[in-house]
Amino acid sequence: MAESSNQITAASLQPELWTSSSNEALKLFVTNQEQAINFKPTFTYPIFGDSETIYGYKDLSIFLCFDHFTFKPFLNVKYSDKLNDPEIGDLKKIIDEFLPESTIFKDEVKWIDSIKEEKENGYKIPGDKISEFNQNDKTYSIYKINLKDVIGLELHKRLQILVLLFIEAGSYIDSSDESWNLYVIYESTEEPSIVGFTTCYNYWKYPGFEKFDKDENEIRIKISQFIILPMFQNLGLGQRFYTELYQYWYKQNDIVEIVVEDPSEEFDDMRDKADLKMLNDNVKFDFNKVEPNITKENIEKWRKELKLEKRQFSRLIELIMLYKLQNQIDDINKKDYRLFVKKRLYDKNKEGLLTMDDATRRDKLETTYRDVTEDYSRLLSQVKLNLKHTLNDEGVKVLKKQKV
């Protein structure tokens, strides 16, 4: 007892020796036969609490490792000393709540042997390949994973802790709900490496009585969680992953709209650039008609054809107009563009704006307009659309897409 009392007294005098940042203590690795790649979590509060600190351990390191192909986890907790206090949590028990039962603890040799055994028993990607593409002189494949399959569900359990570690306010999905889909992108080598994944929910939409009577479904597919592993970031793979998924869903007759749940600013940027490129490449999309006098009917017709949500398509229309204005393409003028954007902002915020006096309302709209266009300009500085002026047979200047 004396030793315990002395230890607690020492801890109270030097609490910093027994306090660790959980973001620093948690060390993540993806391993293959050649190397172990280390990366850090962005968040750890879903596991260790809002303060993202761990108290009661000295020289704490938590190793969480994954095999690059099967993503089978290995957990090891190391420290030089631990306070003898019943209120100090068992870290293994805390972390185990967020990991599958197949996780190997402490015995690295056992973990390596278990991965080897899985592969020798014919482990393969538990799903159907829906897309393949080349980028950066490498080949990548996208698989739709069957969560009703035992191996597919297990893969999801191995991946899902990344949602907590990299998505703010991320939480686990109910994988027993058959409306959920999991899509995983792999680098296609002799033994594929997981690059990232996304979870998507299929919302049934009432199609009208005629289609309903014919058993014709309409689905809004919502991207919920979207992750590219840190070692594969800044290679354009997130944008390409999203684009390949969009093209896959676009071809599905029952999918009528593709939406995103509470996107981050980084995801919004990536999606904006991907969608602008998609529209630029789409021969059915007429850039000539994207101007301030465009009708709501035309906007809604395009939006439905492209299966994009209203908020996103409104952004794209305004981005394209600003791009044309900045590059003096077509006869778009600043006044018409400003009125077009402000009308949309007014309609969106009408209830709140009507409570203000005229001067305050005008000032609020102008400030919001400037903020929106400043953000658009920032994004457009990173984008190049293949548009230019040309003359038609009558010598009139028109807009054409450049071939690239």
Protein backbone atom coordinates (compact mmCIF):
# COMPACT_ATOMS: atom_id res chain seq x y z
CA MET A 1 0.00 0.00 0.00
CA ALA A 2 2.84 2.37 0.80
CA GLU A 3 4.23 1.97 -2.69
CA SER A 4 0.80 2.76 -4.20
CA SER A 5 0.42 5.88 -2.05
CA ASN A 6 3.86 7.10 -3.01
CA GLN A 7 3.08 6.53 -6.69
CA ILE A 8 -0.21 8.44 -6.54
CA THR A 9 1.49 11.29 -4.67
CA ALA A 10 4.20 11.45 -7.34
CA ALA A 11 1.53 11.46 -10.04
CA SER A 12 -0.28 14.35 -8.41
CA LEU A 13 2.95 16.33 -8.25
CA GLN A 14 3.95 15.60 -11.86
CA PRO A 15 0.71 14.80 -13.76
CA GLU A 16 2.35 15.58 -17.11
CA LEU A 17 4.49 12.43 -16.75
CA TRP A 18 1.33 10.32 -16.63
CA THR A 19 -0.66 12.19 -19.29
CA SER A 20 -0.40 11.42 -23.01
CA SER A 21 -2.00 12.94 -26.08
CA SER A 22 -4.06 10.11 -27.56
CA ASN A 23 -3.38 11.53 -31.05
CA GLU A 24 0.35 11.15 -30.43
CA ALA A 25 0.20 7.88 -28.50
CA LEU A 26 -1.83 6.06 -31.15
CA LYS A 27 0.52 4.97 -33.94
CA LEU A 28 -1.08 3.54 -37.07
CA PHE A 29 0.65 1.28 -39.58
CA VAL A 30 -0.22 -0.48 -42.82
CA THR A 31 2.23 -3.29 -43.53
CA ASN A 32 3.14 -5.44 -46.50
CA GLN A 33 6.01 -7.81 -47.14
CA GLU A 34 8.41 -4.94 -47.81
CA GLN A 35 7.61 -2.18 -45.34
CA ALA A 36 5.40 -0.79 -42.59
CA ILE A 37 3.99 2.64 -43.43
CA ASN A 38 3.25 4.82 -40.42
CA PHE A 39 0.49 7.43 -40.37
CA LYS A 40 -1.28 9.47 -37.68
CA PRO A 41 -4.96 9.73 -36.79
CA THR A 42 -6.73 13.07 -37.22
CA PHE A 43 -9.14 12.46 -34.34
CA THR A 44 -9.17 10.11 -31.34
CA TYR A 45 -11.96 11.64 -29.22
CA PRO A 46 -14.56 8.99 -30.21
CA ILE A 47 -12.35 6.42 -28.47
CA PHE A 48 -10.55 8.34 -25.71
CA GLY A 49 -12.87 11.27 -24.99
CA ASP A 50 -13.19 14.91 -26.00
CA SER A 51 -9.90 16.00 -24.42
CA GLU A 52 -8.02 13.41 -26.53
CA THR A 53 -5.75 12.61 -23.60
CA ILE A 54 -4.96 9.39 -21.73
CA TYR A 55 -4.06 9.57 -18.06
CA GLY A 56 -2.36 6.98 -15.90
CA TYR A 57 0.41 5.68 -18.17
CA LYS A 58 4.02 6.72 -18.54
CA ASP A 59 5.80 6.60 -21.95
CA LEU A 60 2.64 5.33 -23.62
CA SER A 61 2.57 3.99 -27.20
CA ILE A 62 -0.43 2.26 -28.79
CA PHE A 63 0.38 0.36 -31.97
CA LEU A 64 -2.52 -0.42 -34.29
CA CYS A 65 -1.35 -2.20 -37.44
CA PHE A 66 -3.22 -3.47 -40.50
CA ASP A 67 -2.28 -5.85 -43.29
CA HIS A 68 -2.39 -3.95 -46.60
CA PHE A 69 -4.62 -6.56 -48.30
CA THR A 70 -6.80 -8.31 -45.70
CA PHE A 71 -6.66 -5.33 -43.31
CA LYS A 72 -6.52 -7.73 -40.36
CA PRO A 73 -5.63 -5.65 -37.26
CA PHE A 74 -2.91 -6.08 -34.66
CA LEU A 75 -2.99 -4.16 -31.39
CA ASN A 76 -0.17 -3.67 -28.93
CA VAL A 77 -0.11 -1.31 -25.94
CA LYS A 78 3.29 -0.42 -24.47
CA TYR A 79 4.24 1.77 -21.50
CA SER A 80 7.02 1.97 -18.91
CA ASP A 81 4.72 2.34 -15.90
CA LYS A 82 1.04 2.49 -14.95
CA LEU A 83 -0.64 4.06 -11.94
CA ASN A 84 -2.08 1.54 -9.50
CA ASP A 85 -5.48 3.16 -9.52
CA PRO A 86 -8.79 1.36 -10.22
CA GLU A 87 -10.06 4.42 -12.11
CA ILE A 88 -7.34 4.09 -14.75
CA GLY A 89 -8.94 2.39 -17.73
CA ASP A 90 -7.72 -0.80 -19.39
CA LEU A 91 -6.65 0.50 -22.79
CA LYS A 92 -6.95 -2.85 -24.54
CA LYS A 93 -10.53 -3.20 -23.28
CA ILE A 94 -11.36 0.37 -24.38
CA ILE A 95 -9.95 -0.06 -27.90
CA ASP A 96 -11.34 -3.58 -28.33
CA GLU A 97 -14.85 -2.09 -28.40
CA PHE A 98 -14.03 -0.53 -31.76
CA LEU A 99 -12.16 -3.46 -33.35
CA PRO A 100 -13.35 -6.82 -34.70
CA GLU A 101 -12.97 -9.97 -32.62
CA SER A 102 -10.37 -11.22 -35.09
CA THR A 103 -7.88 -8.56 -33.88
CA ILE A 104 -4.62 -10.08 -32.60
CA PHE A 105 -3.31 -8.58 -29.36
CA LYS A 106 0.37 -8.26 -28.48
CA ASP A 107 1.62 -11.43 -30.24
CA GLU A 108 2.98 -10.09 -33.54
CA VAL A 109 4.13 -13.51 -34.73
CA LYS A 110 0.62 -14.88 -34.22
CA TRP A 111 -0.76 -11.95 -36.22
CA ILE A 112 1.64 -12.56 -39.12
CA ASP A 113 0.85 -16.29 -39.08
CA SER A 114 -2.91 -15.64 -39.05
CA ILE A 115 -2.63 -13.33 -42.09
CA LYS A 116 -0.55 -15.94 -43.89
CA GLU A 117 -3.15 -18.59 -43.04
CA GLU A 118 -6.00 -16.43 -44.38
CA LYS A 119 -4.17 -15.95 -47.67
CA GLU A 120 -3.19 -19.61 -47.97
CA ASN A 121 -6.84 -20.52 -47.46
CA GLY A 122 -7.71 -18.51 -50.56
CA TYR A 123 -8.58 -15.09 -49.19
CA LYS A 124 -9.83 -12.87 -52.01
CA ILE A 125 -11.57 -9.52 -52.30
CA PRO A 126 -15.13 -10.21 -51.08
CA GLY A 127 -17.08 -8.40 -53.76
CA ASP A 128 -17.57 -7.62 -57.43
CA LYS A 129 -15.25 -5.40 -59.45
CA ILE A 130 -17.23 -2.49 -60.86
CA SER A 131 -14.43 -0.37 -62.30
CA GLU A 132 -10.74 -0.36 -63.20
CA PHE A 133 -8.55 2.55 -64.25
CA ASN A 134 -4.94 3.59 -64.71
CA GLN A 135 -3.41 6.59 -62.99
CA ASN A 136 0.15 7.59 -62.16
CA ASP A 137 1.38 4.54 -64.11
CA LYS A 138 -0.53 2.24 -61.76
CA THR A 139 -3.76 0.28 -62.02
CA TYR A 140 -6.59 0.64 -59.52
CA SER A 141 -9.77 -1.35 -59.09
CA ILE A 142 -13.03 -0.58 -57.30
CA TYR A 143 -15.09 -3.34 -55.70
CA LYS A 144 -18.63 -3.32 -54.40
CA ILE A 145 -18.41 -5.36 -51.19
CA ASN A 146 -21.24 -7.69 -50.18
CA LEU A 147 -21.96 -7.01 -46.49
CA LYS A 148 -24.23 -10.05 -46.35
CA ASP A 149 -21.18 -12.18 -47.06
CA VAL A 150 -19.25 -13.23 -43.93
CA ILE A 151 -15.88 -12.15 -45.37
CA GLY A 152 -17.32 -8.89 -46.72
CA LEU A 153 -18.81 -8.02 -43.33
CA GLU A 154 -15.51 -8.88 -41.62
CA LEU A 155 -13.60 -6.58 -44.00
CA HIS A 156 -15.99 -3.78 -43.13
CA LYS A 157 -15.43 -4.36 -39.41
CA ARG A 158 -11.69 -4.11 -39.98
CA LEU A 159 -11.99 -0.87 -41.93
CA GLN A 160 -14.60 0.98 -39.91
CA ILE A 161 -12.34 2.24 -37.10
CA LEU A 162 -10.79 4.57 -39.70
CA VAL A 163 -14.13 6.40 -39.81
CA LEU A 164 -13.65 7.42 -36.18
CA LEU A 165 -10.01 8.35 -36.69
CA PHE A 166 -10.35 10.44 -39.87
CA ILE A 167 -13.91 11.78 -40.17
CA GLU A 168 -15.06 14.44 -37.75
CA ALA A 169 -18.19 13.27 -35.89
CA GLY A 170 -17.89 9.95 -37.75
CA SER A 171 -19.80 6.97 -36.38
CA TYR A 172 -20.31 3.32 -37.27
CA ILE A 173 -23.10 2.38 -39.65
CA ASP A 174 -25.64 -0.36 -38.99
CA SER A 175 -24.14 -2.97 -41.29
CA SER A 176 -27.16 -5.24 -40.76
CA ASP A 177 -29.28 -2.72 -42.70
CA GLU A 178 -29.32 -4.04 -46.26
CA SER A 179 -29.63 -0.51 -47.65
CA TRP A 180 -25.93 0.08 -46.93
CA ASN A 181 -23.25 -0.57 -49.55
CA LEU A 182 -19.48 -0.61 -49.12
CA TYR A 183 -17.13 0.25 -51.99
CA VAL A 184 -13.39 -0.33 -51.64
CA ILE A 185 -10.63 0.92 -53.96
CA TYR A 186 -7.48 -1.20 -54.33
CA GLU A 187 -4.12 -0.67 -55.94
CA SER A 188 -4.00 -3.64 -58.32
CA THR A 189 -0.69 -5.37 -57.71
CA GLU A 190 0.08 -9.08 -57.37
CA GLU A 191 -1.36 -8.77 -53.88
CA PRO A 192 -3.72 -5.75 -53.92
CA SER A 193 -3.42 -2.95 -51.37
CA ILE A 194 -6.44 -1.14 -49.94
CA VAL A 195 -6.38 2.53 -50.96
CA GLY A 196 -9.66 3.72 -49.44
CA PHE A 197 -13.36 3.09 -49.13
CA THR A 198 -16.78 4.67 -48.97
CA THR A 199 -20.08 3.69 -47.38
CA CYS A 200 -23.28 4.62 -49.19
CA TYR A 201 -26.94 4.38 -48.28
CA ASN A 202 -29.76 3.64 -50.73
CA TYR A 203 -32.90 5.62 -49.97
CA TRP A 204 -36.03 4.31 -51.64
CA LYS A 205 -37.96 7.10 -53.34
CA TYR A 206 -41.62 6.83 -54.29
CA PRO A 207 -41.57 6.86 -58.11
CA GLY A 208 -45.23 7.68 -58.69
CA PHE A 209 -48.10 5.22 -58.91
CA GLU A 210 -47.45 4.21 -62.54
CA LYS A 211 -43.86 3.12 -61.93
CA PHE A 212 -44.81 1.71 -58.53
CA ASP A 213 -47.44 -0.52 -60.12
CA LYS A 214 -44.80 -1.77 -62.56
CA ASP A 215 -42.34 -2.52 -59.72
CA GLU A 216 -39.96 0.17 -61.04
CA ASN A 217 -37.84 1.53 -58.21
CA GLU A 218 -36.25 4.94 -57.75
CA ILE A 219 -33.27 5.29 -55.41
CA ARG A 220 -31.36 8.25 -54.01
CA ILE A 221 -27.86 7.02 -53.20
CA LYS A 222 -26.12 8.97 -50.46
CA ILE A 223 -22.36 8.92 -49.89
CA SER A 224 -21.96 8.80 -46.12
CA GLN A 225 -18.28 8.12 -45.33
CA PHE A 226 -15.39 8.59 -47.74
CA ILE A 227 -11.77 7.84 -46.88
CA ILE A 228 -8.51 7.67 -48.80
CA LEU A 229 -5.66 6.33 -46.66
CA PRO A 230 -3.05 9.05 -45.94
CA MET A 231 -0.26 7.31 -47.89
CA PHE A 232 -2.45 7.46 -51.04
CA GLN A 233 -3.57 11.07 -50.67
CA ASN A 234 -2.52 13.96 -52.93
CA LEU A 235 -2.38 11.60 -55.94
CA GLY A 236 -5.78 12.51 -57.37
CA LEU A 237 -7.20 9.15 -56.28
CA GLY A 238 -10.04 10.57 -54.16
CA GLN A 239 -11.34 12.56 -57.12
CA ARG A 240 -10.98 9.58 -59.44
CA PHE A 241 -12.64 7.22 -56.93
CA TYR A 242 -15.62 9.58 -56.68
CA THR A 243 -15.81 10.03 -60.46
CA GLU A 244 -15.71 6.29 -61.15
CA LEU A 245 -18.49 5.72 -58.61
CA TYR A 246 -20.55 8.53 -60.12
CA GLN A 247 -20.20 7.02 -63.60
CA TYR A 248 -21.18 3.59 -62.25
CA TRP A 249 -24.29 4.92 -60.50
CA TYR A 250 -25.17 7.17 -63.43
CA LYS A 251 -25.64 4.08 -65.57
CA GLN A 252 -28.01 2.43 -63.06
CA ASN A 253 -31.58 3.08 -64.20
CA ASP A 254 -33.03 2.84 -60.70
CA ILE A 255 -30.67 5.44 -59.24
CA VAL A 256 -32.18 8.89 -59.81
CA GLU A 257 -30.01 11.09 -57.58
CA ILE A 258 -26.50 11.00 -56.10
CA VAL A 259 -26.07 13.01 -52.90
CA VAL A 260 -23.51 13.43 -50.12
CA GLU A 261 -24.19 13.45 -46.40
CA ASP A 262 -22.70 16.43 -44.54
CA PRO A 263 -19.56 16.79 -46.69
CA SER A 264 -16.38 18.31 -45.27
CA GLU A 265 -14.80 21.35 -46.95
CA GLU A 266 -12.08 19.11 -48.40
CA PHE A 267 -14.66 16.74 -49.87
CA ASP A 268 -16.67 19.65 -51.27
CA ASP A 269 -13.58 20.94 -53.07
CA MET A 270 -12.76 17.52 -54.46
CA ARG A 271 -16.36 16.92 -55.60
CA ASP A 272 -16.65 20.38 -57.20
CA LYS A 273 -13.52 19.78 -59.28
CA ALA A 274 -14.61 16.26 -60.21
CA ASP A 275 -18.12 17.38 -61.20
CA LEU A 276 -16.81 20.32 -63.25
CA LYS A 277 -14.55 17.96 -65.16
CA MET A 278 -17.43 15.54 -65.60
CA LEU A 279 -19.66 18.27 -67.04
CA ASN A 280 -16.81 19.46 -69.26
CA ASP A 281 -16.43 15.93 -70.66
CA ASN A 282 -20.18 15.31 -71.02
CA VAL A 283 -21.14 15.93 -74.66
CA LYS A 284 -24.82 16.23 -73.66
CA PHE A 285 -24.17 19.19 -71.38
CA ASP A 286 -24.43 22.48 -73.27
CA PHE A 287 -22.10 25.10 -71.78
CA ASN A 288 -23.50 27.69 -74.18
CA LYS A 289 -26.75 27.72 -72.21
CA VAL A 290 -25.08 28.30 -68.85
CA GLU A 291 -25.74 32.02 -68.50
CA PRO A 292 -27.71 34.28 -66.12
CA ASN A 293 -30.94 34.11 -68.16
CA ILE A 294 -31.11 30.33 -67.87
CA THR A 295 -34.55 29.17 -66.73
CA LYS A 296 -35.27 27.14 -63.61
CA GLU A 297 -36.92 24.57 -65.86
CA ASN A 298 -33.70 24.03 -67.83
CA ILE A 299 -31.63 23.84 -64.66
CA GLU A 300 -33.98 21.24 -63.19
CA LYS A 301 -34.04 19.25 -66.43
CA TRP A 302 -30.23 19.10 -66.56
CA ARG A 303 -30.01 18.31 -62.86
CA LYS A 304 -32.33 15.33 -63.16
CA GLU A 305 -30.58 14.04 -66.25
CA LEU A 306 -27.21 14.26 -64.47
CA LYS A 307 -28.62 12.79 -61.22
CA LEU A 308 -27.07 15.54 -59.10
CA GLU A 309 -28.61 17.10 -55.98
CA LYS A 310 -29.99 20.65 -56.14
CA ARG A 311 -27.41 22.30 -53.88
CA GLN A 312 -24.51 20.83 -55.77
CA PHE A 313 -25.88 21.56 -59.22
CA SER A 314 -26.58 25.18 -58.25
CA ARG A 315 -22.93 25.53 -57.20
CA LEU A 316 -21.76 24.04 -60.50
CA ILE A 317 -23.91 26.39 -62.58
CA GLU A 318 -22.60 29.41 -60.68
CA LEU A 319 -19.01 28.15 -60.90
CA ILE A 320 -19.27 27.73 -64.67
CA MET A 321 -20.76 31.20 -65.09
CA LEU A 322 -17.99 32.76 -63.00
CA TYR A 323 -15.36 30.85 -64.98
CA LYS A 324 -16.81 32.22 -68.21
CA LEU A 325 -17.00 35.72 -66.74
CA GLN A 326 -13.40 35.65 -65.52
CA ASN A 327 -12.14 34.30 -68.84
CA GLN A 328 -14.37 36.58 -70.96
CA ILE A 329 -16.13 33.65 -72.54
CA ASP A 330 -19.61 34.52 -73.82
CA ASP A 331 -21.26 37.83 -73.05
CA ILE A 332 -21.78 37.29 -69.33
CA ASN A 333 -21.40 40.54 -67.39
CA LYS A 334 -20.70 41.02 -63.72
CA LYS A 335 -24.01 42.68 -62.92
CA ASP A 336 -26.12 39.86 -64.38
CA TYR A 337 -24.00 37.26 -62.62
CA ARG A 338 -24.27 39.08 -59.29
CA LEU A 339 -28.07 39.30 -59.59
CA PHE A 340 -28.29 35.61 -60.52
CA VAL A 341 -26.32 34.50 -57.46
CA LYS A 342 -28.03 36.94 -55.10
CA LYS A 343 -31.46 35.74 -56.20
CA ARG A 344 -30.49 32.18 -55.31
CA LEU A 345 -29.10 33.34 -51.95
CA TYR A 346 -32.26 35.35 -51.28
CA ASP A 347 -34.57 32.44 -52.09
CA LYS A 348 -32.52 30.12 -49.88
CA ASN A 349 -32.49 32.52 -46.89
CA LYS A 350 -35.78 34.33 -47.51
CA GLU A 351 -37.35 33.62 -44.13
CA GLY A 352 -34.46 35.12 -42.17
CA LEU A 353 -33.88 38.02 -44.55
CA LEU A 354 -37.50 39.18 -44.33
CA THR A 355 -37.01 39.90 -40.63
CA MET A 356 -34.36 42.53 -41.48
CA ASP A 357 -34.77 46.11 -42.65
CA ASP A 358 -33.91 46.91 -46.29
CA ALA A 359 -30.41 48.27 -45.64
CA THR A 360 -29.40 45.34 -43.41
CA ARG A 361 -30.86 42.86 -45.88
CA ARG A 362 -28.92 44.38 -48.80
CA ASP A 363 -25.71 44.44 -46.75
CA LYS A 364 -26.17 40.82 -45.68
CA LEU A 365 -26.78 39.67 -49.26
CA GLU A 366 -23.77 41.58 -50.56
CA THR A 367 -21.49 40.16 -47.86
CA THR A 368 -22.69 36.62 -48.52
CA TYR A 369 -22.32 37.11 -52.27
CA ARG A 370 -18.72 38.29 -51.84
CA ASP A 371 -17.91 35.32 -49.59
CA VAL A 372 -19.42 32.87 -52.08
CA THR A 373 -17.66 34.29 -55.13
CA GLU A 374 -14.36 34.56 -53.26
CA ASP A 375 -14.60 30.86 -52.45
CA TYR A 376 -15.57 30.09 -56.07
CA SER A 377 -12.54 32.03 -57.31
CA ARG A 378 -10.26 30.11 -54.99
CA LEU A 379 -11.60 26.83 -56.38
CA LEU A 380 -11.51 27.95 -60.03
CA SER A 381 -7.86 28.91 -59.68
CA GLN A 382 -7.22 25.17 -59.39
CA VAL A 383 -9.38 24.20 -62.37
CA LYS A 384 -8.97 24.46 -66.12
CA LEU A 385 -12.06 23.89 -68.24
CA ASN A 386 -11.51 23.16 -71.89
CA LEU A 387 -13.65 25.99 -73.28
CA LYS A 388 -12.94 28.61 -75.89
CA HIS A 389 -14.65 30.96 -78.30
CA THR A 390 -15.07 30.06 -81.93
CA LEU A 391 -17.19 31.30 -84.84
CA ASN A 392 -20.10 29.44 -86.38
CA ASP A 393 -20.93 29.38 -90.10
CA GLU A 394 -22.58 32.80 -89.83
CA GLY A 395 -19.49 34.33 -88.22
CA VAL A 396 -21.14 34.58 -84.81
CA LYS A 397 -18.97 33.91 -81.78
CA VAL A 398 -20.07 30.76 -79.90
CA LEU A 399 -18.66 28.57 -77.20
CA LYS A 400 -17.00 25.26 -77.98
CA LYS A 401 -15.23 22.62 -75.97
CA GLN A 402 -11.63 22.04 -76.84
CA LYS A 403 -10.49 18.54 -77.62
CA VAL A 404 -7.80 17.31 -75.26
